[in-house]
């Protein structure tokens, strides 16, 4: 089991939760980004720098993740791809993607892209709240507990 992070867009506060979890549980954590990242010294935390470009980090995560791994991403198409490989996907707001919900999320994403392409201002996501952080930590803990029990 391993945790993979789409790190270019992952909020710092979420990365800090992940650092603590990796050290506490001794589960490997890999942050994939197209820029250099600073991470605390730990045998369980590493960075993987990829070339700049569209979906390069996403493609590397898909290539390397495996069944039972956890991928942290807000990217819906990436979440769909890792779910298809048997990995779990969790966004930084604490929403765990599932086979049952990913199609709906992809459809909504495509709809919003269409609106933006036609000139409609849709705005961006809200700022990450304290409740989002707590929800993320709770969902991460659920996944970690399932790994310990061998039920993920």
N, C-alpha and C. Protein backbone atom coordinates (compact mmCIF):
# COMPACT_ATOMS: atom_id res chain seq x y z
N UNK A 1 0.84 -1.18 0.00
CA UNK A 1 0.00 0.00 0.00
C UNK A 1 0.88 1.25 0.00
N UNK A 2 0.43 2.23 -0.74
CA UNK A 2 1.16 3.49 -0.82
C UNK A 2 0.15 4.61 -1.04
N UNK A 3 0.58 5.82 -0.72
CA UNK A 3 -0.22 7.02 -0.95
C UNK A 3 0.51 7.86 -1.99
N UNK A 4 -0.23 8.26 -3.01
CA UNK A 4 0.28 9.09 -4.09
C UNK A 4 -0.46 10.42 -4.04
N UNK A 5 0.27 11.52 -4.22
CA UNK A 5 -0.34 12.85 -4.15
C UNK A 5 -0.09 13.60 -5.44
N UNK A 6 -1.18 14.08 -6.04
CA UNK A 6 -1.11 15.00 -7.16
C UNK A 6 -0.73 16.35 -6.53
N UNK A 7 0.57 16.57 -6.36
CA UNK A 7 1.05 17.59 -5.43
C UNK A 7 1.06 19.01 -5.97
N UNK A 8 1.00 19.20 -7.26
CA UNK A 8 1.04 20.57 -7.78
C UNK A 8 -0.12 21.42 -7.27
N UNK A 9 -1.28 20.83 -7.10
CA UNK A 9 -2.46 21.59 -6.68
C UNK A 9 -2.92 21.25 -5.27
N UNK A 10 -2.20 20.40 -4.57
CA UNK A 10 -2.62 19.99 -3.23
C UNK A 10 -2.27 21.07 -2.21
N UNK A 11 -3.24 21.50 -1.41
CA UNK A 11 -2.97 22.54 -0.40
C UNK A 11 -1.92 22.09 0.62
N UNK A 12 -1.12 23.05 1.06
CA UNK A 12 -0.05 22.78 2.01
C UNK A 12 -0.58 22.11 3.29
N UNK A 13 -1.70 22.56 3.80
CA UNK A 13 -2.25 22.01 5.04
C UNK A 13 -2.60 20.53 4.87
N UNK A 14 -3.03 20.14 3.69
CA UNK A 14 -3.35 18.74 3.42
C UNK A 14 -2.05 17.92 3.35
N UNK A 15 -1.03 18.48 2.72
CA UNK A 15 0.27 17.80 2.67
C UNK A 15 0.80 17.57 4.08
N UNK A 16 0.63 18.53 4.97
CA UNK A 16 1.11 18.38 6.34
C UNK A 16 0.38 17.25 7.07
N UNK A 17 -0.91 17.12 6.84
CA UNK A 17 -1.66 16.00 7.42
C UNK A 17 -1.09 14.68 6.89
N UNK A 18 -0.80 14.65 5.60
CA UNK A 18 -0.26 13.43 4.98
C UNK A 18 1.13 13.10 5.49
N UNK A 19 1.98 14.10 5.72
CA UNK A 19 3.32 13.85 6.25
C UNK A 19 3.23 13.15 7.61
N UNK A 20 2.37 13.70 8.46
CA UNK A 20 2.21 13.10 9.81
C UNK A 20 1.68 11.67 9.72
N UNK A 21 0.73 11.46 8.83
CA UNK A 21 0.14 10.12 8.68
C UNK A 21 1.17 9.12 8.16
N UNK A 22 1.99 9.52 7.21
CA UNK A 22 3.01 8.62 6.66
C UNK A 22 4.01 8.22 7.74
N UNK A 23 4.46 9.17 8.53
CA UNK A 23 5.40 8.85 9.60
C UNK A 23 4.76 7.98 10.68
N UNK A 24 3.52 8.28 11.03
CA UNK A 24 2.82 7.53 12.08
C UNK A 24 2.55 6.08 11.66
N UNK A 25 2.16 5.89 10.40
CA UNK A 25 1.75 4.56 9.94
C UNK A 25 2.83 3.82 9.17
N UNK A 26 3.89 4.52 8.80
CA UNK A 26 4.99 3.95 8.02
C UNK A 26 4.54 3.49 6.63
N UNK A 27 3.53 4.17 6.11
CA UNK A 27 3.06 3.90 4.74
C UNK A 27 3.78 4.88 3.81
N UNK A 28 4.36 4.38 2.72
CA UNK A 28 5.08 5.26 1.80
C UNK A 28 4.16 6.33 1.19
N UNK A 29 4.66 7.55 1.18
CA UNK A 29 3.95 8.70 0.63
C UNK A 29 4.82 9.30 -0.46
N UNK A 30 4.27 9.42 -1.67
CA UNK A 30 5.00 10.01 -2.79
C UNK A 30 4.22 11.19 -3.32
N UNK A 31 4.88 12.35 -3.35
CA UNK A 31 4.28 13.57 -3.89
C UNK A 31 4.82 13.76 -5.30
N UNK A 32 3.93 13.76 -6.28
CA UNK A 32 4.31 13.88 -7.69
C UNK A 32 3.99 15.29 -8.15
N UNK A 33 5.00 15.98 -8.71
CA UNK A 33 4.82 17.37 -9.13
C UNK A 33 5.79 17.69 -10.25
N UNK A 34 5.51 18.78 -10.96
CA UNK A 34 6.43 19.21 -12.01
C UNK A 34 7.36 20.32 -11.53
N UNK A 35 7.48 20.44 -10.23
CA UNK A 35 8.39 21.42 -9.62
C UNK A 35 9.02 20.79 -8.38
N UNK A 36 10.10 21.37 -7.92
CA UNK A 36 10.73 20.86 -6.69
C UNK A 36 9.84 21.16 -5.50
N UNK A 37 9.78 20.22 -4.58
CA UNK A 37 8.98 20.39 -3.37
C UNK A 37 9.87 20.19 -2.15
N UNK A 38 9.54 20.91 -1.09
CA UNK A 38 10.21 20.71 0.19
C UNK A 38 9.34 19.77 1.01
N UNK A 39 9.95 18.72 1.51
CA UNK A 39 9.22 17.79 2.37
C UNK A 39 10.08 17.53 3.60
N UNK A 40 9.46 17.16 4.71
CA UNK A 40 10.25 16.87 5.90
C UNK A 40 11.09 15.61 5.69
N UNK A 41 12.24 15.56 6.34
CA UNK A 41 13.07 14.35 6.21
C UNK A 41 12.35 13.16 6.84
N UNK A 42 12.19 12.11 6.07
CA UNK A 42 11.51 10.91 6.55
C UNK A 42 11.80 9.77 5.58
N UNK A 43 12.01 8.57 6.09
CA UNK A 43 12.19 7.44 5.18
C UNK A 43 10.90 7.04 4.48
N UNK A 44 9.77 7.61 4.88
CA UNK A 44 8.48 7.24 4.32
C UNK A 44 7.92 8.27 3.34
N UNK A 45 8.61 9.40 3.19
CA UNK A 45 8.12 10.49 2.35
C UNK A 45 9.15 10.76 1.25
N UNK A 46 8.66 10.79 0.00
CA UNK A 46 9.56 11.13 -1.10
C UNK A 46 8.82 11.99 -2.11
N UNK A 47 9.59 12.68 -2.94
CA UNK A 47 9.00 13.46 -4.02
C UNK A 47 9.43 12.83 -5.34
N UNK A 48 8.60 13.01 -6.33
CA UNK A 48 8.90 12.55 -7.68
C UNK A 48 8.63 13.73 -8.60
N UNK A 49 9.70 14.29 -9.14
CA UNK A 49 9.54 15.44 -10.04
C UNK A 49 9.43 14.93 -11.47
N UNK A 50 8.40 15.41 -12.15
CA UNK A 50 8.17 15.03 -13.54
C UNK A 50 8.34 16.27 -14.42
N UNK A 51 8.46 16.05 -15.71
CA UNK A 51 8.59 17.17 -16.64
C UNK A 51 7.32 18.00 -16.63
N UNK A 52 7.47 19.27 -16.95
CA UNK A 52 6.30 20.13 -17.06
C UNK A 52 5.50 19.71 -18.29
N UNK A 53 4.22 19.87 -18.21
CA UNK A 53 3.38 19.54 -19.35
C UNK A 53 2.00 19.09 -18.89
N UNK A 54 1.08 19.12 -19.82
CA UNK A 54 -0.30 18.78 -19.53
C UNK A 54 -0.42 17.31 -19.13
N UNK A 55 -0.94 17.07 -17.93
CA UNK A 55 -1.22 15.72 -17.41
C UNK A 55 0.02 14.84 -17.21
N UNK A 56 1.22 15.39 -17.22
CA UNK A 56 2.41 14.57 -17.03
C UNK A 56 2.41 13.95 -15.63
N UNK A 57 2.12 14.73 -14.61
CA UNK A 57 2.08 14.20 -13.24
C UNK A 57 0.95 13.19 -13.10
N UNK A 58 -0.20 13.50 -13.66
CA UNK A 58 -1.34 12.58 -13.59
C UNK A 58 -0.99 11.24 -14.23
N UNK A 59 -0.37 11.28 -15.42
CA UNK A 59 -0.02 10.05 -16.12
C UNK A 59 0.98 9.22 -15.33
N UNK A 60 1.90 9.89 -14.65
CA UNK A 60 2.89 9.16 -13.84
C UNK A 60 2.23 8.49 -12.64
N UNK A 61 1.29 9.17 -12.02
CA UNK A 61 0.55 8.58 -10.89
C UNK A 61 -0.22 7.35 -11.37
N UNK A 62 -0.91 7.48 -12.49
CA UNK A 62 -1.67 6.34 -13.03
C UNK A 62 -0.73 5.18 -13.34
N UNK A 63 0.42 5.48 -13.91
CA UNK A 63 1.38 4.43 -14.27
C UNK A 63 1.90 3.68 -13.04
N UNK A 64 2.16 4.42 -11.96
CA UNK A 64 2.81 3.81 -10.81
C UNK A 64 1.88 3.30 -9.72
N UNK A 65 0.69 3.84 -9.60
CA UNK A 65 -0.18 3.39 -8.52
C UNK A 65 -0.72 2.00 -8.83
N UNK A 66 -1.11 1.31 -7.75
CA UNK A 66 -1.62 -0.04 -7.93
C UNK A 66 -2.86 -0.28 -7.10
N UNK A 67 -3.44 -1.45 -7.24
CA UNK A 67 -4.62 -1.79 -6.45
C UNK A 67 -4.34 -1.64 -4.95
N UNK A 68 -5.28 -1.02 -4.26
CA UNK A 68 -5.14 -0.82 -2.83
C UNK A 68 -4.43 0.45 -2.43
N UNK A 69 -3.77 1.13 -3.38
CA UNK A 69 -3.12 2.40 -3.07
C UNK A 69 -4.18 3.49 -2.92
N UNK A 70 -3.75 4.62 -2.37
CA UNK A 70 -4.62 5.78 -2.23
C UNK A 70 -4.01 6.93 -3.01
N UNK A 71 -4.83 7.61 -3.81
CA UNK A 71 -4.38 8.77 -4.58
C UNK A 71 -5.14 9.99 -4.09
N UNK A 72 -4.39 11.04 -3.74
CA UNK A 72 -4.98 12.30 -3.29
C UNK A 72 -4.99 13.25 -4.48
N UNK A 73 -6.18 13.62 -4.94
CA UNK A 73 -6.30 14.50 -6.08
C UNK A 73 -7.67 15.16 -6.13
N UNK A 74 -7.71 16.36 -6.68
CA UNK A 74 -8.98 17.03 -6.96
C UNK A 74 -9.32 16.89 -8.44
N UNK A 75 -8.46 16.21 -9.19
CA UNK A 75 -8.62 16.03 -10.63
C UNK A 75 -9.55 14.85 -10.89
N UNK A 76 -10.75 15.12 -11.38
CA UNK A 76 -11.77 14.08 -11.56
C UNK A 76 -11.33 13.01 -12.59
N UNK A 77 -10.80 13.39 -13.76
CA UNK A 77 -10.36 12.35 -14.69
C UNK A 77 -9.25 11.46 -14.10
N UNK A 78 -8.32 12.05 -13.35
CA UNK A 78 -7.29 11.24 -12.69
C UNK A 78 -7.92 10.29 -11.69
N UNK A 79 -8.86 10.77 -10.91
CA UNK A 79 -9.55 9.91 -9.94
C UNK A 79 -10.22 8.73 -10.65
N UNK A 80 -10.86 9.00 -11.79
CA UNK A 80 -11.53 7.93 -12.55
C UNK A 80 -10.52 6.89 -13.01
N UNK A 81 -9.37 7.33 -13.47
CA UNK A 81 -8.35 6.39 -13.96
C UNK A 81 -7.78 5.52 -12.83
N UNK A 82 -7.53 6.11 -11.67
CA UNK A 82 -6.96 5.30 -10.59
C UNK A 82 -8.01 4.36 -10.01
N UNK A 83 -9.27 4.78 -9.99
CA UNK A 83 -10.33 3.87 -9.55
C UNK A 83 -10.40 2.65 -10.47
N UNK A 84 -10.24 2.88 -11.77
CA UNK A 84 -10.26 1.78 -12.74
C UNK A 84 -9.11 0.81 -12.52
N UNK A 85 -8.01 1.29 -11.93
CA UNK A 85 -6.87 0.42 -11.63
C UNK A 85 -7.00 -0.29 -10.27
N UNK A 86 -8.05 0.02 -9.53
CA UNK A 86 -8.24 -0.62 -8.24
C UNK A 86 -7.69 0.16 -7.06
N UNK A 87 -7.25 1.39 -7.31
CA UNK A 87 -6.78 2.25 -6.22
C UNK A 87 -7.97 3.05 -5.68
N UNK A 88 -7.79 3.65 -4.53
CA UNK A 88 -8.79 4.54 -3.95
C UNK A 88 -8.41 5.97 -4.31
N UNK A 89 -9.39 6.87 -4.32
CA UNK A 89 -9.12 8.27 -4.63
C UNK A 89 -9.87 9.16 -3.64
N UNK A 90 -9.15 10.14 -3.12
CA UNK A 90 -9.68 11.06 -2.12
C UNK A 90 -9.28 12.47 -2.51
N UNK A 91 -10.24 13.41 -2.48
CA UNK A 91 -9.86 14.78 -2.81
C UNK A 91 -9.47 15.54 -1.53
N UNK A 92 -8.78 16.68 -1.68
CA UNK A 92 -8.31 17.42 -0.51
C UNK A 92 -9.42 17.97 0.40
N UNK A 93 -10.65 17.91 -0.04
CA UNK A 93 -11.77 18.35 0.79
C UNK A 93 -12.40 17.19 1.56
N UNK A 94 -11.84 15.99 1.37
CA UNK A 94 -12.32 14.84 2.12
C UNK A 94 -13.40 14.04 1.42
N UNK A 95 -13.62 14.28 0.14
CA UNK A 95 -14.60 13.48 -0.60
C UNK A 95 -13.90 12.26 -1.18
N UNK A 96 -14.36 11.09 -0.79
CA UNK A 96 -13.81 9.85 -1.32
C UNK A 96 -14.58 9.50 -2.59
N UNK A 97 -13.88 9.45 -3.70
CA UNK A 97 -14.50 9.09 -4.96
C UNK A 97 -14.78 7.59 -4.95
N UNK A 98 -15.83 7.19 -5.65
CA UNK A 98 -16.15 5.77 -5.74
C UNK A 98 -16.63 5.46 -7.15
N UNK A 99 -16.70 4.18 -7.47
CA UNK A 99 -17.23 3.78 -8.77
C UNK A 99 -18.65 4.29 -8.95
N UNK A 100 -19.40 4.37 -7.86
CA UNK A 100 -20.80 4.81 -7.92
C UNK A 100 -20.94 6.31 -8.18
N UNK A 101 -19.94 7.11 -7.79
CA UNK A 101 -20.08 8.57 -7.92
C UNK A 101 -19.22 9.19 -9.00
N UNK A 102 -18.23 8.47 -9.51
CA UNK A 102 -17.27 9.10 -10.40
C UNK A 102 -17.89 9.52 -11.73
N UNK A 103 -18.84 8.75 -12.26
CA UNK A 103 -19.47 9.13 -13.53
C UNK A 103 -20.22 10.45 -13.40
N UNK A 104 -20.94 10.59 -12.30
CA UNK A 104 -21.66 11.84 -12.06
C UNK A 104 -20.69 13.01 -11.97
N UNK A 105 -19.59 12.83 -11.27
CA UNK A 105 -18.60 13.89 -11.12
C UNK A 105 -17.97 14.25 -12.47
N UNK A 106 -17.69 13.23 -13.32
CA UNK A 106 -17.14 13.49 -14.65
C UNK A 106 -18.15 14.26 -15.51
N UNK A 107 -19.41 13.90 -15.43
CA UNK A 107 -20.45 14.57 -16.20
C UNK A 107 -20.57 16.03 -15.78
N UNK A 108 -20.55 16.29 -14.48
CA UNK A 108 -20.64 17.66 -13.97
C UNK A 108 -19.41 18.47 -14.40
N UNK A 109 -18.25 17.86 -14.34
CA UNK A 109 -17.02 18.53 -14.77
C UNK A 109 -17.11 18.92 -16.23
N UNK A 110 -17.55 18.00 -17.08
CA UNK A 110 -17.68 18.28 -18.51
C UNK A 110 -18.70 19.39 -18.76
N UNK A 111 -19.80 19.37 -18.02
CA UNK A 111 -20.83 20.41 -18.15
C UNK A 111 -20.24 21.78 -17.79
N UNK A 112 -19.50 21.84 -16.69
CA UNK A 112 -18.90 23.12 -16.27
C UNK A 112 -17.86 23.59 -17.29
N UNK A 113 -17.09 22.66 -17.88
CA UNK A 113 -16.14 23.03 -18.93
C UNK A 113 -16.87 23.64 -20.12
N UNK A 114 -17.99 23.06 -20.48
CA UNK A 114 -18.79 23.58 -21.59
C UNK A 114 -19.29 24.99 -21.29
N UNK A 115 -19.77 25.20 -20.07
CA UNK A 115 -20.22 26.54 -19.68
C UNK A 115 -19.08 27.55 -19.77
N UNK A 116 -17.92 27.19 -19.23
CA UNK A 116 -16.78 28.11 -19.26
C UNK A 116 -16.35 28.40 -20.70
N UNK A 117 -16.37 27.38 -21.56
CA UNK A 117 -15.98 27.55 -22.96
C UNK A 117 -16.94 28.49 -23.70
N UNK A 118 -18.18 28.55 -23.24
CA UNK A 118 -19.16 29.42 -23.89
C UNK A 118 -19.18 30.82 -23.27
N UNK A 119 -18.25 31.09 -22.33
CA UNK A 119 -18.12 32.42 -21.76
C UNK A 119 -18.80 32.65 -20.43
N UNK A 120 -19.44 31.63 -19.88
CA UNK A 120 -20.10 31.78 -18.58
C UNK A 120 -19.04 31.75 -17.48
N UNK A 121 -19.10 32.73 -16.59
CA UNK A 121 -18.19 32.78 -15.45
C UNK A 121 -18.73 31.87 -14.35
N UNK A 122 -18.03 30.79 -14.07
CA UNK A 122 -18.53 29.83 -13.08
C UNK A 122 -17.86 29.99 -11.72
N UNK A 123 -16.78 30.75 -11.66
CA UNK A 123 -16.07 30.91 -10.39
C UNK A 123 -15.26 29.67 -10.06
N UNK A 124 -14.42 29.79 -9.09
CA UNK A 124 -13.59 28.65 -8.68
C UNK A 124 -14.13 28.03 -7.42
N UNK A 125 -13.43 27.04 -6.91
CA UNK A 125 -13.87 26.40 -5.67
C UNK A 125 -13.70 27.34 -4.47
N UNK A 126 -14.48 27.09 -3.44
CA UNK A 126 -14.35 27.85 -2.21
C UNK A 126 -12.99 27.59 -1.58
N UNK A 127 -12.57 28.48 -0.70
CA UNK A 127 -11.35 28.28 0.06
C UNK A 127 -11.50 27.04 0.93
N UNK A 128 -10.41 26.33 1.11
CA UNK A 128 -10.42 25.14 1.96
C UNK A 128 -10.74 25.55 3.40
N UNK A 129 -11.81 25.00 3.94
CA UNK A 129 -12.26 25.38 5.28
C UNK A 129 -11.72 24.42 6.34
N UNK A 130 -11.90 24.80 7.59
CA UNK A 130 -11.52 23.93 8.70
C UNK A 130 -12.32 22.62 8.63
N UNK A 131 -13.58 22.74 8.26
CA UNK A 131 -14.41 21.53 8.13
C UNK A 131 -13.88 20.61 7.02
N UNK A 132 -13.42 21.20 5.89
CA UNK A 132 -12.82 20.41 4.81
C UNK A 132 -11.59 19.66 5.31
N UNK A 133 -10.76 20.34 6.07
CA UNK A 133 -9.54 19.71 6.62
C UNK A 133 -9.90 18.56 7.54
N UNK A 134 -10.89 18.77 8.38
CA UNK A 134 -11.31 17.71 9.30
C UNK A 134 -11.90 16.53 8.54
N UNK A 135 -12.68 16.82 7.51
CA UNK A 135 -13.27 15.76 6.69
C UNK A 135 -12.18 14.97 5.98
N UNK A 136 -11.16 15.67 5.47
CA UNK A 136 -10.04 14.99 4.82
C UNK A 136 -9.33 14.07 5.80
N UNK A 137 -9.01 14.60 6.98
CA UNK A 137 -8.30 13.80 7.99
C UNK A 137 -9.13 12.58 8.40
N UNK A 138 -10.44 12.75 8.54
CA UNK A 138 -11.31 11.64 8.92
C UNK A 138 -11.34 10.56 7.83
N UNK A 139 -11.46 10.96 6.57
CA UNK A 139 -11.48 9.99 5.47
C UNK A 139 -10.13 9.30 5.31
N UNK A 140 -9.05 10.05 5.51
CA UNK A 140 -7.72 9.44 5.46
C UNK A 140 -7.58 8.41 6.57
N UNK A 141 -8.02 8.75 7.76
CA UNK A 141 -7.97 7.80 8.88
C UNK A 141 -8.79 6.54 8.61
N UNK A 142 -9.95 6.69 7.96
CA UNK A 142 -10.77 5.53 7.60
C UNK A 142 -10.00 4.61 6.67
N UNK A 143 -9.33 5.20 5.67
CA UNK A 143 -8.55 4.40 4.72
C UNK A 143 -7.38 3.71 5.42
N UNK A 144 -6.70 4.45 6.28
CA UNK A 144 -5.55 3.88 7.00
C UNK A 144 -5.99 2.73 7.91
N UNK A 145 -7.12 2.88 8.56
CA UNK A 145 -7.65 1.83 9.43
C UNK A 145 -8.01 0.60 8.60
N UNK A 146 -8.60 0.81 7.44
CA UNK A 146 -8.94 -0.31 6.55
C UNK A 146 -7.67 -1.04 6.09
N UNK A 147 -6.59 -0.28 5.83
CA UNK A 147 -5.31 -0.89 5.45
C UNK A 147 -4.79 -1.75 6.58
N UNK A 148 -4.83 -1.23 7.81
CA UNK A 148 -4.36 -1.99 8.97
C UNK A 148 -5.15 -3.28 9.14
N UNK A 149 -6.45 -3.22 8.89
CA UNK A 149 -7.31 -4.39 9.05
C UNK A 149 -7.30 -5.29 7.83
N UNK A 150 -6.70 -4.81 6.73
CA UNK A 150 -6.68 -5.58 5.50
C UNK A 150 -8.00 -5.62 4.78
N UNK A 151 -8.84 -4.58 4.99
CA UNK A 151 -10.17 -4.55 4.40
C UNK A 151 -10.34 -3.45 3.37
N UNK A 152 -9.27 -2.81 2.91
CA UNK A 152 -9.46 -1.69 1.98
C UNK A 152 -9.73 -2.18 0.63
